[in-house]
Amino acid sequence: MPPTLYEKLGSENISRLVDQFYDLVFVHPQISHLFKTDKELIKEKQRLFLTQFLGGPALYSQQYGHPQLRARHMPHTIGNDEAVAWLACMSKAIGTLPIDEALK
């Protein structure tokens, strides 16, 4: 069986990605308002979620249950502009990782 993205990236790079991503998101003029709660908790939940989503241990589900992405995002107004801003932040954060270019 081929290695998962989690195995290819490793937990350190997932943590780096989350930190870089939220450093951008928390100050982004179009989407920072969506992240006004406990910033450290947001980052920790994202670390757990990405670990699970990328093929690692099911840490998010073990601690918080099913991710319920649709339900968690329903209270927010997220249109095309917000989606593009989010993707731009993620792309920029991925670009900072010291990983093989083919994984980016």
N, C-alpha and C. Protein backbone atom coordinates (compact mmCIF):
# COMPACT_ATOMS: atom_id res chain seq x y z
N MET A 1 0.85 -1.18 0.00
CA MET A 1 0.00 0.00 0.00
C MET A 1 0.90 1.25 0.00
N PRO A 2 0.61 2.21 -0.87
CA PRO A 2 1.45 3.42 -0.92
C PRO A 2 1.29 4.25 0.35
N PRO A 3 2.31 5.01 0.69
CA PRO A 3 2.21 5.85 1.90
C PRO A 3 1.13 6.91 1.75
N THR A 4 0.50 7.24 2.86
CA THR A 4 -0.52 8.29 2.87
C THR A 4 0.15 9.66 2.80
N LEU A 5 -0.62 10.68 2.53
CA LEU A 5 -0.08 12.04 2.56
C LEU A 5 0.42 12.38 3.97
N TYR A 6 -0.27 11.87 4.97
CA TYR A 6 0.18 12.08 6.34
C TYR A 6 1.59 11.52 6.52
N GLU A 7 1.82 10.32 6.03
CA GLU A 7 3.13 9.69 6.16
C GLU A 7 4.19 10.44 5.34
N LYS A 8 3.80 10.94 4.18
CA LYS A 8 4.75 11.68 3.35
C LYS A 8 5.11 13.02 3.96
N LEU A 9 4.13 13.70 4.54
CA LEU A 9 4.37 15.02 5.12
C LEU A 9 4.97 14.94 6.52
N GLY A 10 4.43 14.09 7.34
CA GLY A 10 4.85 13.99 8.73
C GLY A 10 4.14 14.99 9.62
N SER A 11 4.05 14.67 10.88
CA SER A 11 3.30 15.51 11.82
C SER A 11 3.93 16.90 11.98
N GLU A 12 5.25 16.99 11.89
CA GLU A 12 5.90 18.31 12.04
C GLU A 12 5.49 19.25 10.91
N ASN A 13 5.44 18.74 9.69
CA ASN A 13 5.04 19.59 8.57
C ASN A 13 3.55 19.94 8.61
N ILE A 14 2.74 19.04 9.13
CA ILE A 14 1.32 19.37 9.29
C ILE A 14 1.19 20.50 10.31
N SER A 15 1.93 20.43 11.40
CA SER A 15 1.90 21.52 12.39
C SER A 15 2.41 22.82 11.78
N ARG A 16 3.48 22.75 11.01
CA ARG A 16 4.00 23.94 10.32
C ARG A 16 2.95 24.53 9.39
N LEU A 17 2.30 23.66 8.63
CA LEU A 17 1.27 24.11 7.70
C LEU A 17 0.15 24.84 8.43
N VAL A 18 -0.33 24.26 9.50
CA VAL A 18 -1.41 24.88 10.27
C VAL A 18 -0.96 26.24 10.81
N ASP A 19 0.24 26.31 11.37
CA ASP A 19 0.74 27.59 11.90
C ASP A 19 0.86 28.64 10.81
N GLN A 20 1.47 28.28 9.69
CA GLN A 20 1.64 29.22 8.58
C GLN A 20 0.28 29.67 8.03
N PHE A 21 -0.62 28.72 7.85
CA PHE A 21 -1.94 29.01 7.31
C PHE A 21 -2.69 30.00 8.20
N TYR A 22 -2.74 29.71 9.49
CA TYR A 22 -3.51 30.59 10.38
C TYR A 22 -2.82 31.92 10.63
N ASP A 23 -1.51 31.99 10.52
CA ASP A 23 -0.84 33.29 10.57
C ASP A 23 -1.37 34.19 9.45
N LEU A 24 -1.68 33.60 8.31
CA LEU A 24 -2.23 34.36 7.17
C LEU A 24 -3.72 34.62 7.34
N VAL A 25 -4.46 33.61 7.73
CA VAL A 25 -5.92 33.71 7.85
C VAL A 25 -6.33 34.72 8.92
N PHE A 26 -5.67 34.68 10.06
CA PHE A 26 -6.06 35.53 11.19
C PHE A 26 -5.92 37.02 10.89
N VAL A 27 -5.16 37.39 9.87
CA VAL A 27 -5.00 38.80 9.51
C VAL A 27 -5.58 39.13 8.13
N HIS A 28 -6.15 38.16 7.47
CA HIS A 28 -6.67 38.39 6.11
C HIS A 28 -7.94 39.24 6.19
N PRO A 29 -8.00 40.35 5.44
CA PRO A 29 -9.15 41.26 5.54
C PRO A 29 -10.49 40.63 5.14
N GLN A 30 -10.49 39.63 4.29
CA GLN A 30 -11.76 39.04 3.85
C GLN A 30 -12.25 37.90 4.73
N ILE A 31 -11.37 37.24 5.44
CA ILE A 31 -11.82 36.05 6.18
C ILE A 31 -11.44 36.01 7.66
N SER A 32 -10.69 36.97 8.14
CA SER A 32 -10.27 36.92 9.55
C SER A 32 -11.47 36.94 10.49
N HIS A 33 -12.56 37.60 10.08
CA HIS A 33 -13.75 37.69 10.93
C HIS A 33 -14.40 36.32 11.18
N LEU A 34 -14.07 35.33 10.37
CA LEU A 34 -14.63 33.99 10.54
C LEU A 34 -13.93 33.21 11.65
N PHE A 35 -12.84 33.75 12.17
CA PHE A 35 -12.00 33.03 13.12
C PHE A 35 -11.78 33.86 14.38
N LYS A 36 -12.86 34.25 15.05
CA LYS A 36 -12.75 35.13 16.21
C LYS A 36 -12.69 34.40 17.54
N THR A 37 -12.88 33.08 17.54
CA THR A 37 -12.85 32.35 18.80
C THR A 37 -11.41 32.04 19.19
N ASP A 38 -11.23 31.18 20.13
CA ASP A 38 -9.91 30.81 20.66
C ASP A 38 -8.99 30.35 19.53
N LYS A 39 -8.02 31.17 19.20
CA LYS A 39 -7.15 30.89 18.05
C LYS A 39 -6.30 29.64 18.26
N GLU A 40 -5.84 29.41 19.45
CA GLU A 40 -5.04 28.20 19.70
C GLU A 40 -5.90 26.95 19.58
N LEU A 41 -7.15 27.03 20.02
CA LEU A 41 -8.06 25.89 19.88
C LEU A 41 -8.38 25.62 18.41
N ILE A 42 -8.58 26.69 17.64
CA ILE A 42 -8.82 26.54 16.20
C ILE A 42 -7.64 25.81 15.56
N LYS A 43 -6.43 26.23 15.88
CA LYS A 43 -5.24 25.61 15.30
C LYS A 43 -5.10 24.15 15.73
N GLU A 44 -5.36 23.87 16.97
CA GLU A 44 -5.24 22.49 17.46
C GLU A 44 -6.26 21.58 16.78
N LYS A 45 -7.49 22.06 16.65
CA LYS A 45 -8.51 21.25 15.97
C LYS A 45 -8.14 21.02 14.51
N GLN A 46 -7.57 22.03 13.87
CA GLN A 46 -7.17 21.87 12.47
C GLN A 46 -6.02 20.86 12.35
N ARG A 47 -5.08 20.88 13.29
CA ARG A 47 -4.00 19.89 13.29
C ARG A 47 -4.57 18.47 13.38
N LEU A 48 -5.49 18.29 14.31
CA LEU A 48 -6.10 16.98 14.48
C LEU A 48 -6.88 16.57 13.24
N PHE A 49 -7.64 17.52 12.68
CA PHE A 49 -8.44 17.22 11.49
C PHE A 49 -7.55 16.85 10.31
N LEU A 50 -6.52 17.66 10.04
CA LEU A 50 -5.65 17.38 8.90
C LEU A 50 -4.89 16.07 9.08
N THR A 51 -4.49 15.77 10.29
CA THR A 51 -3.84 14.49 10.55
C THR A 51 -4.75 13.35 10.10
N GLN A 52 -5.99 13.42 10.50
CA GLN A 52 -6.97 12.39 10.15
C GLN A 52 -7.29 12.42 8.65
N PHE A 53 -7.56 13.59 8.11
CA PHE A 53 -7.96 13.75 6.70
C PHE A 53 -6.88 13.27 5.74
N LEU A 54 -5.62 13.46 6.13
CA LEU A 54 -4.50 13.09 5.26
C LEU A 54 -4.03 11.65 5.46
N GLY A 55 -4.79 10.87 6.23
CA GLY A 55 -4.49 9.45 6.35
C GLY A 55 -3.78 9.02 7.61
N GLY A 56 -3.66 9.93 8.57
CA GLY A 56 -3.04 9.58 9.84
C GLY A 56 -4.06 9.06 10.83
N PRO A 57 -3.69 8.99 12.09
CA PRO A 57 -4.62 8.51 13.11
C PRO A 57 -5.87 9.39 13.18
N ALA A 58 -6.99 8.79 13.55
CA ALA A 58 -8.28 9.50 13.60
C ALA A 58 -8.38 10.34 14.88
N LEU A 59 -7.43 11.22 15.07
CA LEU A 59 -7.34 12.01 16.31
C LEU A 59 -8.52 12.95 16.49
N TYR A 60 -8.95 13.58 15.41
CA TYR A 60 -10.07 14.52 15.52
C TYR A 60 -11.33 13.79 15.97
N SER A 61 -11.66 12.70 15.29
CA SER A 61 -12.87 11.94 15.62
C SER A 61 -12.81 11.38 17.04
N GLN A 62 -11.63 10.95 17.46
CA GLN A 62 -11.49 10.41 18.81
C GLN A 62 -11.78 11.47 19.86
N GLN A 63 -11.38 12.70 19.59
CA GLN A 63 -11.55 13.76 20.58
C GLN A 63 -12.87 14.52 20.44
N TYR A 64 -13.33 14.74 19.20
CA TYR A 64 -14.49 15.60 18.97
C TYR A 64 -15.65 14.93 18.25
N GLY A 65 -15.49 13.68 17.85
CA GLY A 65 -16.55 13.01 17.09
C GLY A 65 -16.41 13.32 15.60
N HIS A 66 -17.43 12.98 14.85
CA HIS A 66 -17.41 13.20 13.40
C HIS A 66 -17.18 14.68 13.11
N PRO A 67 -16.34 15.01 12.11
CA PRO A 67 -16.04 16.42 11.82
C PRO A 67 -17.25 17.29 11.46
N GLN A 68 -18.27 16.76 10.82
CA GLN A 68 -19.47 17.52 10.47
C GLN A 68 -19.13 18.87 9.83
N LEU A 69 -18.33 18.83 8.78
CA LEU A 69 -17.85 20.06 8.16
C LEU A 69 -18.97 20.97 7.70
N ARG A 70 -19.96 20.41 7.05
CA ARG A 70 -21.07 21.24 6.56
C ARG A 70 -21.78 21.95 7.72
N ALA A 71 -22.10 21.22 8.76
CA ALA A 71 -22.80 21.81 9.90
C ALA A 71 -21.95 22.87 10.59
N ARG A 72 -20.65 22.64 10.69
CA ARG A 72 -19.77 23.61 11.36
C ARG A 72 -19.62 24.91 10.57
N HIS A 73 -19.78 24.83 9.26
CA HIS A 73 -19.59 26.02 8.44
C HIS A 73 -20.90 26.72 8.08
N MET A 74 -22.04 26.08 8.32
CA MET A 74 -23.34 26.65 7.98
C MET A 74 -23.62 28.02 8.61
N PRO A 75 -23.22 28.26 9.86
CA PRO A 75 -23.54 29.56 10.47
C PRO A 75 -22.82 30.75 9.81
N HIS A 76 -21.83 30.47 8.99
CA HIS A 76 -21.02 31.53 8.38
C HIS A 76 -21.43 31.79 6.94
N THR A 77 -21.30 33.03 6.53
CA THR A 77 -21.51 33.38 5.13
C THR A 77 -20.18 33.17 4.42
N ILE A 78 -20.13 32.12 3.62
CA ILE A 78 -18.91 31.78 2.90
C ILE A 78 -19.25 31.70 1.42
N GLY A 79 -18.86 32.72 0.70
CA GLY A 79 -19.10 32.77 -0.74
C GLY A 79 -17.83 32.51 -1.51
N ASN A 80 -17.88 32.79 -2.78
CA ASN A 80 -16.73 32.56 -3.65
C ASN A 80 -15.51 33.37 -3.21
N ASP A 81 -15.70 34.63 -2.85
CA ASP A 81 -14.57 35.47 -2.44
C ASP A 81 -13.87 34.91 -1.20
N GLU A 82 -14.66 34.44 -0.25
CA GLU A 82 -14.08 33.86 0.97
C GLU A 82 -13.35 32.55 0.65
N ALA A 83 -13.94 31.75 -0.22
CA ALA A 83 -13.31 30.49 -0.61
C ALA A 83 -11.98 30.74 -1.32
N VAL A 84 -11.96 31.71 -2.22
CA VAL A 84 -10.72 32.04 -2.94
C VAL A 84 -9.66 32.56 -1.95
N ALA A 85 -10.06 33.38 -1.00
CA ALA A 85 -9.12 33.90 0.00
C ALA A 85 -8.56 32.76 0.85
N TRP A 86 -9.43 31.85 1.28
CA TRP A 86 -9.00 30.69 2.07
C TRP A 86 -8.00 29.86 1.29
N LEU A 87 -8.33 29.57 0.03
CA LEU A 87 -7.45 28.76 -0.81
C LEU A 87 -6.11 29.45 -1.05
N ALA A 88 -6.13 30.77 -1.21
CA ALA A 88 -4.88 31.52 -1.41
C ALA A 88 -3.99 31.41 -0.17
N CYS A 89 -4.59 31.51 1.01
CA CYS A 89 -3.82 31.37 2.25
C CYS A 89 -3.25 29.96 2.37
N MET A 90 -4.05 28.96 2.04
CA MET A 90 -3.57 27.58 2.14
C MET A 90 -2.46 27.32 1.13
N SER A 91 -2.63 27.83 -0.08
CA SER A 91 -1.60 27.65 -1.11
C SER A 91 -0.29 28.29 -0.69
N LYS A 92 -0.38 29.50 -0.15
CA LYS A 92 0.82 30.20 0.31
C LYS A 92 1.48 29.44 1.46
N ALA A 93 0.68 28.93 2.38
CA ALA A 93 1.22 28.17 3.52
C ALA A 93 1.88 26.88 3.04
N ILE A 94 1.26 26.19 2.11
CA ILE A 94 1.85 24.96 1.57
C ILE A 94 3.19 25.28 0.91
N GLY A 95 3.25 26.42 0.23
CA GLY A 95 4.48 26.83 -0.45
C GLY A 95 5.66 27.04 0.48
N THR A 96 5.40 27.27 1.77
CA THR A 96 6.49 27.50 2.73
C THR A 96 7.06 26.21 3.29
N LEU A 97 6.39 25.10 3.05
CA LEU A 97 6.84 23.84 3.66
C LEU A 97 8.10 23.31 2.99
N PRO A 98 9.01 22.77 3.80
CA PRO A 98 10.24 22.19 3.26
C PRO A 98 9.99 20.74 2.80
N ILE A 99 9.16 20.61 1.77
CA ILE A 99 8.79 19.28 1.27
C ILE A 99 9.05 19.21 -0.23
N ASP A 100 9.03 18.01 -0.75
CA ASP A 100 9.21 17.78 -2.18
C ASP A 100 8.17 18.59 -2.96
N GLU A 101 8.61 19.26 -3.99
CA GLU A 101 7.72 20.10 -4.80
C GLU A 101 6.53 19.30 -5.35
N ALA A 102 6.72 18.03 -5.62
CA ALA A 102 5.64 17.20 -6.16
C ALA A 102 4.48 17.05 -5.18
N LEU A 103 4.74 17.25 -3.89
CA LEU A 103 3.68 17.16 -2.88
C LEU A 103 2.90 18.46 -2.73
N LYS A 104 3.43 19.54 -3.24
CA LYS A 104 2.80 20.85 -3.05
C LYS A 104 1.63 21.08 -3.95
